Amino acid sequence: MRLGGRIQAAAEVLEDVLERRTPVTMALRDWGKAHRFAGSKDRSAIGNIVLDALRRKSSIGFRMDDISPRALAIGAAVFSGGTTVEDILEQTEGDTHFGAPLTENQIAKLRGQIKLETAPEWVRADVPDWLWPAFETNFDEDAIVEGAALTERPPLDIRANALKATRDELSLEKAEPTAISPVGMRFPPVVGAGRHPNIQSDPDFLTGKLEIQDEGSQIVSLLVAAQPGEKVLDYCAGGGGKSLAIAGEMNNEGSIHAFDIDKRRLAPTYERAARAGATTIKVVQPPAKSLNNLRGNMDRVLVDAPCTGVGTWRRKPDAKWRLTEDALGRRMQEQVKVLDEAKNFVKPGGYLFYVTCSMLAAENEAQVYAFLERTSDFKLISAGEVWEDRFGTDVPKPWSADGCTLTLTPASTNTDGFFFAVMEKDA
């Protein structure tokens, strides 16, 4: 496919996402099935345009003075994808697959007629307008920088499985060691129409020597600081990514109980643990009463709580525009519930870890302090000290509102957004 056809295809996918509210992964898949002539490079290039447009929907719409799917696709190709106006004019001349040629007005907009600096702050940050007050309150003068960092293309991070290999033993061309995690490797964000390597076909992946895991997720798993021989409960384990990382930390000594109330999310953990050789992981199926024998016995309980996923907007940008106040409220109620349930499994002197992939104070610091107010036998431990003990002082530092809890962000640590807090139960 030529450039014009790719942009037009991206516009069609965006129409499906924005006007019919189809999840972007499903919309891209459906387009590919309906246009089987498109090769893998074409599908990747189209996907890049679509995701770029969704990451910067507000700012591109402002700069184009047009929020139509086609305007967003064209704007994304230029403002995010490295395509020049001249490229489009030259490569789409006479191309019927592109549709109508660029107008003089569109050309002027693409060449910067409207300055982004004149836009409202929420537009410059590409944060939904209803959410901006909360975002601004949380990050203050850094709010625009933090929001804009969520619009960048993400890297591809992998984690060496300590049970089978160190990262120096992995054979990954073009990957560099991660800046903070001692077990991570990173492929930089793709440029233009590029694509990341297919790690899932790599021999090191197939033999369990590595896992795909964002450095932020690696970091919070390392901050749990589980020791060999301990008993750990991963209370909202999902697909088991953090359980697998913790198993490597524990050298397969002790026990990790991976539980999730949704058994469908938990299902991949079986195969992933087997491939990794993580024999210390014990998958516990719902209902929650299956955990009754663990009450009061766990050295460490990790609550990777359900949340809005704001910290993953680089990878899942359509979620940014589907998020509603009602959905945020539901997630906050779920967070209260899981914290109040998970605390019962911590033994005296043990630790409760609260993690989200959100960057909103309402889901993070507010939940921790509300929990401490209603729970008399837990106290907050300085996560900043835990960070320095684990990673030292020479690595990028996470953002912190209170000096006790930590928020990893694309702007501060060049990772997905993650919140981390640790609480100790009275002995």
Protein backbone atom coordinates (compact mmCIF):
# COMPACT_ATOMS: atom_id res chain seq x y z
CA MET A 1 0.00 0.00 0.00
CA ARG A 2 1.06 3.57 -0.67
CA LEU A 3 1.05 6.32 1.94
CA GLY A 4 -2.36 7.63 0.87
CA GLY A 5 -3.97 4.23 1.22
CA ARG A 6 -2.47 3.77 4.67
CA ILE A 7 -3.76 7.14 5.89
CA GLN A 8 -7.22 6.47 4.49
CA ALA A 9 -7.25 3.03 6.11
CA ALA A 10 -6.26 4.61 9.43
CA ALA A 11 -9.16 7.06 9.06
CA GLU A 12 -11.57 4.15 8.56
CA VAL A 13 -10.28 2.41 11.68
CA LEU A 14 -10.51 5.65 13.67
CA GLU A 15 -14.11 6.08 12.56
CA ASP A 16 -14.85 2.62 13.92
CA VAL A 17 -13.13 3.44 17.23
CA LEU A 18 -14.44 6.97 17.78
CA GLU A 19 -17.92 6.80 16.33
CA ARG A 20 -18.86 3.18 17.07
CA ARG A 21 -16.67 2.91 20.20
CA THR A 22 -15.03 -0.29 19.04
CA PRO A 23 -11.86 -1.12 21.03
CA VAL A 24 -8.86 -0.23 18.91
CA THR A 25 -7.33 -3.72 18.90
CA MET A 26 -10.62 -5.14 17.65
CA ALA A 27 -11.07 -2.37 15.06
CA LEU A 28 -7.58 -2.97 13.65
CA ARG A 29 -8.16 -6.72 13.60
CA ASP A 30 -11.50 -6.32 11.82
CA TRP A 31 -9.98 -4.01 9.23
CA GLY A 32 -7.21 -6.50 8.57
CA LYS A 33 -9.67 -9.34 8.07
CA ALA A 34 -11.69 -7.27 5.63
CA HIS A 35 -8.58 -6.21 3.68
CA ARG A 36 -6.46 -9.33 3.47
CA PHE A 37 -4.40 -7.87 0.63
CA ALA A 38 -2.68 -5.62 3.17
CA GLY A 39 0.69 -7.00 4.26
CA SER A 40 2.09 -7.06 7.76
CA LYS A 41 4.11 -3.87 7.16
CA ASP A 42 0.97 -2.11 5.96
CA ARG A 43 -1.02 -3.22 8.99
CA SER A 44 1.77 -2.10 11.29
CA ALA A 45 2.02 1.32 9.63
CA ILE A 46 -1.77 1.78 9.79
CA GLY A 47 -1.76 0.78 13.44
CA ASN A 48 0.93 3.34 14.20
CA ILE A 49 -1.12 6.13 12.63
CA VAL A 50 -4.27 5.06 14.48
CA LEU A 51 -2.56 4.84 17.87
CA ASP A 52 -0.73 8.15 17.36
CA ALA A 53 -4.04 9.82 16.51
CA LEU A 54 -5.67 8.44 19.65
CA ARG A 55 -2.76 9.40 21.89
CA ARG A 56 -3.01 13.01 20.69
CA LYS A 57 -6.62 13.28 19.66
CA SER A 58 -7.23 16.61 21.40
CA SER A 59 -4.05 18.36 20.33
CA ILE A 60 -4.21 17.10 16.73
CA GLY A 61 -7.86 18.10 16.48
CA PHE A 62 -6.96 21.56 17.81
CA ARG A 63 -4.06 22.01 15.39
CA MET A 64 -6.12 20.78 12.44
CA ASP A 65 -9.24 22.68 13.57
CA ASP A 66 -11.01 19.45 12.67
CA ILE A 67 -11.72 16.37 14.79
CA SER A 68 -12.92 14.13 11.97
CA PRO A 69 -11.24 10.71 11.70
CA ARG A 70 -9.59 11.69 8.41
CA ALA A 71 -8.18 14.93 9.81
CA LEU A 72 -6.87 13.06 12.84
CA ALA A 73 -5.21 10.43 10.65
CA ILE A 74 -3.55 13.03 8.42
CA GLY A 75 -2.47 15.09 11.43
CA ALA A 76 -1.07 12.03 13.21
CA ALA A 77 0.99 11.09 10.15
CA VAL A 78 2.63 14.54 10.18
CA PHE A 79 2.71 15.57 13.85
CA SER A 80 3.63 12.16 15.29
CA GLY A 81 4.68 9.88 12.44
CA GLY A 82 7.49 11.89 10.86
CA THR A 83 5.73 12.32 7.52
CA THR A 84 6.12 15.76 5.91
CA VAL A 85 3.45 17.71 4.09
CA GLU A 86 5.58 17.38 0.97
CA ASP A 87 5.62 13.59 1.41
CA ILE A 88 1.83 13.53 1.42
CA LEU A 89 1.46 15.90 -1.52
CA GLU A 90 3.98 13.98 -3.60
CA GLN A 91 2.91 10.46 -2.69
CA THR A 92 -0.85 10.98 -2.88
CA GLU A 93 -1.02 12.83 -6.19
CA GLY A 94 -3.52 10.98 -8.32
CA ASP A 95 -3.98 8.30 -5.64
CA THR A 96 -7.69 7.46 -5.58
CA HIS A 97 -7.19 5.37 -2.43
CA PHE A 98 -6.37 8.56 -0.51
CA GLY A 99 -9.64 10.26 -1.38
CA ALA A 100 -9.84 14.02 -1.78
CA PRO A 101 -6.48 15.79 -2.13
CA LEU A 102 -5.30 18.02 0.71
CA THR A 103 -6.93 21.43 0.67
CA GLU A 104 -4.98 24.66 1.05
CA ASN A 105 -6.54 25.01 4.50
CA GLN A 106 -5.35 21.56 5.56
CA ILE A 107 -1.87 22.23 4.21
CA ALA A 108 -1.69 25.45 6.22
CA LYS A 109 -2.77 23.63 9.39
CA LEU A 110 -0.24 20.85 8.84
CA ARG A 111 2.47 23.45 8.44
CA GLY A 112 1.71 24.87 11.86
CA GLN A 113 -0.75 27.70 11.26
CA ILE A 114 -2.40 26.98 14.61
CA LYS A 115 0.10 26.95 17.47
CA LEU A 116 -0.45 24.34 20.15
CA GLU A 117 0.83 26.82 22.74
CA THR A 118 -2.43 28.75 22.33
CA ALA A 119 -4.58 25.74 23.30
CA PRO A 120 -6.15 25.14 26.71
CA GLU A 121 -3.91 23.20 29.07
CA TRP A 122 -5.94 19.99 28.89
CA VAL A 123 -5.58 20.05 25.10
CA ARG A 124 -1.83 20.57 25.30
CA ALA A 125 -1.63 17.65 27.72
CA ASP A 126 -4.09 15.50 25.73
CA VAL A 127 -6.00 14.67 28.90
CA PRO A 128 -9.82 14.50 28.75
CA ASP A 129 -11.24 17.87 29.81
CA TRP A 130 -13.39 16.41 32.63
CA LEU A 131 -10.32 14.74 34.13
CA TRP A 132 -7.96 17.70 33.83
CA PRO A 133 -8.75 19.30 37.24
CA ALA A 134 -7.82 16.06 39.03
CA PHE A 135 -4.72 15.61 36.87
CA GLU A 136 -3.65 19.22 37.47
CA THR A 137 -4.27 18.97 41.21
CA ASN A 138 -2.11 15.87 41.38
CA PHE A 139 0.87 17.03 39.30
CA ASP A 140 0.59 20.81 39.73
CA GLU A 141 3.08 22.60 37.45
CA ASP A 142 4.19 19.27 35.97
CA ALA A 143 0.70 18.34 34.79
CA ILE A 144 1.16 19.28 31.12
CA VAL A 145 4.54 17.54 30.94
CA GLU A 146 3.13 14.40 32.57
CA GLY A 147 0.11 14.35 30.26
CA ALA A 148 2.19 14.94 27.15
CA ALA A 149 4.57 12.13 28.10
CA LEU A 150 1.59 9.76 27.95
CA THR A 151 1.17 10.64 24.27
CA GLU A 152 4.56 9.29 23.21
CA ARG A 153 5.04 5.91 21.58
CA PRO A 154 6.09 3.34 24.20
CA PRO A 155 9.17 1.15 24.15
CA LEU A 156 9.04 -2.63 24.24
CA ASP A 157 10.48 -3.96 27.49
CA ILE A 158 11.37 -7.50 28.40
CA ARG A 159 12.45 -9.08 31.70
CA ALA A 160 15.10 -11.75 32.00
CA ASN A 161 13.71 -14.68 33.97
CA ALA A 162 16.20 -14.99 36.83
CA LEU A 163 15.31 -18.67 37.18
CA LYS A 164 16.83 -19.39 33.77
CA ALA A 165 19.02 -16.51 32.60
CA THR A 166 20.53 -13.13 33.38
CA ARG A 167 19.88 -10.30 30.99
CA ASP A 168 23.50 -10.49 29.83
CA GLU A 169 22.80 -14.02 28.62
CA LEU A 170 19.91 -12.98 26.38
CA SER A 171 20.53 -12.59 22.67
CA LEU A 172 18.41 -9.58 21.74
CA GLU A 173 19.70 -7.40 18.95
CA LYS A 174 19.00 -3.67 19.26
CA ALA A 175 17.85 -4.01 22.88
CA GLU A 176 19.58 -2.05 25.65
CA PRO A 177 19.61 -2.62 29.42
CA THR A 178 16.81 -0.77 31.20
CA ALA A 179 17.84 2.26 33.24
CA ILE A 180 16.38 1.14 36.58
CA SER A 181 15.42 -2.53 36.56
CA PRO A 182 18.51 -4.77 36.78
CA VAL A 183 16.71 -7.57 34.93
CA GLY A 184 15.18 -5.59 32.06
CA MET A 185 16.04 -4.98 28.41
CA ARG A 186 14.44 -2.35 26.20
CA PHE A 187 13.69 -1.92 22.53
CA PRO A 188 13.21 1.83 21.90
CA PRO A 189 9.91 3.20 20.60
CA VAL A 190 9.36 2.57 16.91
CA VAL A 191 9.84 5.43 14.47
CA GLY A 192 7.58 6.23 11.55
CA ALA A 193 6.05 3.09 10.08
CA GLY A 194 8.38 0.78 12.01
CA ARG A 195 7.41 -2.09 14.26
CA HIS A 196 8.84 -3.91 17.23
CA PRO A 197 10.29 -7.42 16.88
CA ASN A 198 8.01 -10.39 17.45
CA ILE A 199 9.41 -11.46 20.81
CA GLN A 200 6.90 -14.27 21.23
CA SER A 201 8.61 -16.21 18.44
CA ASP A 202 12.07 -15.71 19.92
CA PRO A 203 13.73 -18.93 21.21
CA ASP A 204 14.54 -17.24 24.53
CA PHE A 205 10.85 -16.46 25.00
CA LEU A 206 9.71 -19.92 23.98
CA THR A 207 12.13 -21.54 26.42
CA GLY A 208 11.12 -19.27 29.30
CA LYS A 209 14.30 -17.21 29.57
CA LEU A 210 12.41 -13.93 29.18
CA GLU A 211 8.97 -12.37 29.52
CA ILE A 212 7.47 -9.25 27.99
CA GLN A 213 6.95 -6.82 30.87
CA ASP A 214 7.13 -3.03 31.07
CA GLU A 215 9.99 -1.79 33.20
CA GLY A 216 7.51 -0.12 35.54
CA SER A 217 5.87 -3.45 36.29
CA GLN A 218 9.30 -4.99 36.80
CA ILE A 219 10.20 -2.23 39.24
CA VAL A 220 7.13 -2.56 41.46
CA SER A 221 7.68 -6.33 41.55
CA LEU A 222 11.26 -5.73 42.71
CA LEU A 223 10.07 -3.22 45.33
CA VAL A 224 8.01 -5.98 46.94
CA ALA A 225 11.46 -7.31 47.93
CA ALA A 226 10.23 -10.85 48.51
CA GLN A 227 12.83 -13.09 50.13
CA PRO A 228 13.50 -16.78 49.44
CA GLY A 229 11.40 -18.97 51.70
CA GLU A 230 8.66 -16.40 52.32
CA LYS A 231 4.93 -16.78 51.73
CA VAL A 232 3.53 -14.27 49.25
CA LEU A 233 -0.04 -13.64 48.09
CA ASP A 234 -0.56 -11.88 44.76
CA TYR A 235 -4.16 -10.97 45.43
CA CYS A 236 -5.08 -9.47 42.04
CA ALA A 237 -2.68 -11.53 39.95
CA GLY A 238 -4.36 -11.18 36.54
CA GLY A 239 -2.15 -12.95 34.00
CA GLY A 240 0.58 -13.54 36.58
CA GLY A 241 3.25 -11.11 35.34
CA LYS A 242 4.25 -9.86 38.78
CA SER A 243 4.01 -13.34 40.32
CA LEU A 244 6.50 -14.54 37.72
CA ALA A 245 8.88 -11.67 38.47
CA ILE A 246 8.63 -12.30 42.21
CA ALA A 247 9.29 -16.01 41.71
CA GLY A 248 12.59 -15.10 40.10
CA GLU A 249 13.43 -12.86 43.05
CA MET A 250 12.69 -15.69 45.47
CA ASN A 251 14.75 -18.21 43.47
CA ASN A 252 11.78 -20.60 43.55
CA GLU A 253 12.11 -20.90 47.33
CA GLY A 254 8.95 -20.35 49.35
CA SER A 255 5.42 -19.99 47.99
CA ILE A 256 3.56 -17.51 45.82
CA HIS A 257 -0.21 -17.78 45.75
CA ALA A 258 -1.58 -16.16 42.58
CA PHE A 259 -5.26 -15.30 42.94
CA ASP A 260 -7.73 -13.26 40.92
CA ILE A 261 -11.47 -12.98 41.27
CA ASP A 262 -11.74 -13.30 37.47
CA LYS A 263 -10.57 -16.77 36.53
CA ARG A 264 -10.39 -15.81 32.86
CA ARG A 265 -7.68 -13.26 33.60
CA LEU A 266 -5.87 -15.82 35.72
CA ALA A 267 -5.87 -18.54 33.06
CA PRO A 268 -2.59 -17.59 31.27
CA THR A 269 -0.65 -17.93 34.53
CA TYR A 270 -0.57 -21.72 34.29
CA GLU A 271 1.22 -21.80 30.93
CA ARG A 272 3.45 -18.83 31.73
CA ALA A 273 4.59 -20.33 35.05
CA ALA A 274 5.31 -23.68 33.41
CA ARG A 275 7.36 -22.06 30.65
CA ALA A 276 9.30 -19.99 33.20
CA GLY A 277 9.92 -22.95 35.49
CA ALA A 278 8.31 -20.99 38.34
CA THR A 279 7.36 -23.98 40.48
CA THR A 280 6.82 -21.84 43.55
CA ILE A 281 3.68 -20.28 42.03
CA LYS A 282 0.41 -21.84 43.13
CA VAL A 283 -2.59 -20.62 41.15
CA VAL A 284 -5.67 -20.22 43.36
CA GLN A 285 -8.98 -20.16 41.53
CA PRO A 286 -11.91 -18.07 42.78
CA PRO A 287 -14.06 -17.82 44.85
CA ALA A 288 -12.22 -15.89 47.51
CA LYS A 289 -13.03 -18.49 50.16
CA SER A 290 -10.40 -20.66 48.45
CA LEU A 291 -7.87 -18.47 50.27
CA ASN A 292 -9.25 -19.02 53.77
CA ASN A 293 -6.32 -21.19 54.84
CA LEU A 294 -3.94 -18.32 54.07
CA ARG A 295 -5.52 -15.79 56.43
CA GLY A 296 -3.02 -14.17 58.77
CA ASN A 297 -0.14 -16.27 57.37
CA MET A 298 1.37 -14.22 54.52
CA ASP A 299 4.70 -12.44 54.81
CA ARG A 300 3.81 -10.18 51.91
CA VAL A 301 0.51 -9.44 50.18
CA LEU A 302 0.53 -7.61 46.86
CA VAL A 303 -2.63 -5.82 45.79
CA ASP A 304 -2.31 -4.80 42.14
CA ALA A 305 -5.70 -3.16 42.34
CA PRO A 306 -8.24 -2.72 39.55
CA CYS A 307 -7.94 0.84 38.27
CA THR A 308 -8.59 3.18 35.36
CA GLY A 309 -5.26 2.31 33.71
CA VAL A 310 -4.25 5.94 33.16
CA GLY A 311 -0.62 4.89 33.36
CA THR A 312 -1.01 2.65 30.31
CA TRP A 313 -2.42 5.31 27.98
CA ARG A 314 0.70 5.15 25.78
CA ARG A 315 -0.14 1.52 24.98
CA LYS A 316 -3.93 1.71 25.19
CA PRO A 317 -4.80 5.24 24.07
CA ASP A 318 -8.41 4.49 23.20
CA ALA A 319 -9.03 3.79 26.91
CA LYS A 320 -8.27 7.47 27.56
CA TRP A 321 -11.34 8.58 25.65
CA ARG A 322 -13.63 5.81 26.90
CA LEU A 323 -12.97 6.57 30.56
CA THR A 324 -15.92 8.16 32.40
CA GLU A 325 -16.53 9.58 35.85
CA ASP A 326 -18.82 6.64 36.60
CA ALA A 327 -16.08 4.18 35.66
CA LEU A 328 -13.61 5.99 37.90
CA GLY A 329 -16.09 5.81 40.76
CA ARG A 330 -16.59 2.08 40.27
CA ARG A 331 -12.86 1.44 40.27
CA MET A 332 -12.46 3.38 43.50
CA GLN A 333 -15.14 1.28 45.17
CA GLU A 334 -13.39 -1.89 44.00
CA GLN A 335 -10.09 -0.61 45.40
CA VAL A 336 -11.63 -0.10 48.84
CA LYS A 337 -13.02 -3.62 48.73
CA VAL A 338 -9.82 -5.39 47.67
CA LEU A 339 -7.69 -3.53 50.23
CA ASP A 340 -10.10 -4.39 53.03
CA GLU A 341 -10.12 -8.04 51.95
CA ALA A 342 -6.39 -8.38 51.32
CA LYS A 343 -5.33 -7.00 54.70
CA ASN A 344 -6.73 -10.13 56.39
CA PHE A 345 -4.02 -12.30 54.87
CA VAL A 346 -1.05 -10.33 56.22
CA LYS A 347 0.62 -11.90 59.24
CA PRO A 348 1.72 -9.73 62.18
CA GLY A 349 4.87 -7.94 61.12
CA GLY A 350 4.11 -8.65 57.46
CA TYR A 351 3.68 -6.20 54.60
CA LEU A 352 0.80 -5.05 52.42
CA PHE A 353 1.70 -3.53 49.05
CA TYR A 354 -0.78 -1.37 47.16
CA VAL A 355 -0.10 -0.92 43.45
CA THR A 356 -2.11 0.55 40.58
CA CYS A 357 -1.31 1.40 36.97
CA SER A 358 -3.08 4.73 37.52
CA MET A 359 -1.66 8.23 37.94
CA LEU A 360 -4.70 9.71 39.72
CA ALA A 361 -4.48 10.65 43.39
CA ALA A 362 -8.06 9.50 43.96
CA GLU A 363 -7.02 5.94 43.13
CA ASN A 364 -3.63 6.15 44.77
CA GLU A 365 -2.65 8.31 47.75
CA ALA A 366 -6.29 8.91 48.70
CA GLN A 367 -6.98 5.18 48.88
CA VAL A 368 -3.91 4.51 51.00
CA TYR A 369 -4.64 7.22 53.54
CA ALA A 370 -8.33 6.31 53.73
CA PHE A 371 -7.32 2.69 54.37
CA LEU A 372 -4.98 3.75 57.18
CA GLU A 373 -7.72 5.84 58.77
CA ARG A 374 -10.11 2.90 58.96
CA THR A 375 -7.45 0.28 59.76
CA SER A 376 -5.64 0.75 63.05
CA ASP A 377 -3.06 -2.04 62.84
CA PHE A 378 -1.21 -0.93 59.67
CA LYS A 379 1.31 1.86 59.25
CA LEU A 380 2.79 3.44 56.12
CA ILE A 381 6.45 2.72 55.38
CA SER A 382 8.53 5.17 53.34
CA ALA A 383 8.53 3.83 49.81
CA GLY A 384 11.27 6.33 48.98
CA GLU A 385 13.61 4.54 51.37
CA VAL A 386 12.63 1.19 49.89
CA TRP A 387 13.44 2.62 46.45
CA GLU A 388 16.89 3.81 47.49
CA ASP A 389 17.67 0.52 49.22
CA ARG A 390 16.77 -1.35 46.05
CA PHE A 391 17.99 0.90 43.26
CA GLY A 392 20.30 3.45 44.87
CA THR A 393 20.28 7.18 44.18
CA ASP A 394 21.81 7.36 40.71
CA VAL A 395 18.79 6.16 38.69
CA PRO A 396 15.81 8.25 37.49
CA LYS A 397 13.54 9.04 40.42
CA PRO A 398 9.77 8.54 40.48
CA TRP A 399 7.32 11.31 41.22
CA SER A 400 6.02 11.57 44.79
CA ALA A 401 3.24 13.70 46.25
CA ASP A 402 3.99 12.96 49.89
CA GLY A 403 7.53 11.59 50.11
CA CYS A 404 6.17 8.27 51.34
CA THR A 405 4.46 6.83 48.27
CA LEU A 406 5.81 6.65 44.72
CA THR A 407 4.35 7.22 41.26
CA LEU A 408 6.35 6.00 38.29
CA THR A 409 5.44 7.93 35.15
CA PRO A 410 6.62 8.18 31.54
CA ALA A 411 7.98 11.66 32.33
CA SER A 412 9.82 10.79 35.55
CA THR A 413 11.05 7.23 35.03
CA ASN A 414 10.34 6.59 31.33
CA THR A 415 8.05 3.71 32.24
CA ASP A 416 4.33 3.12 32.21
CA GLY A 417 2.55 4.86 35.07
CA PHE A 418 2.52 2.87 38.33
CA PHE A 419 1.71 3.82 41.91
CA PHE A 420 3.43 2.02 44.78
CA ALA A 421 2.88 2.10 48.55
CA VAL A 422 3.87 -0.32 51.30
CA MET A 423 2.24 -0.75 54.70
CA GLU A 424 3.44 -2.85 57.64
CA LYS A 425 1.10 -4.71 59.98
CA ASP A 426 1.74 -4.36 63.68
CA ALA A 427 3.64 -7.29 65.13
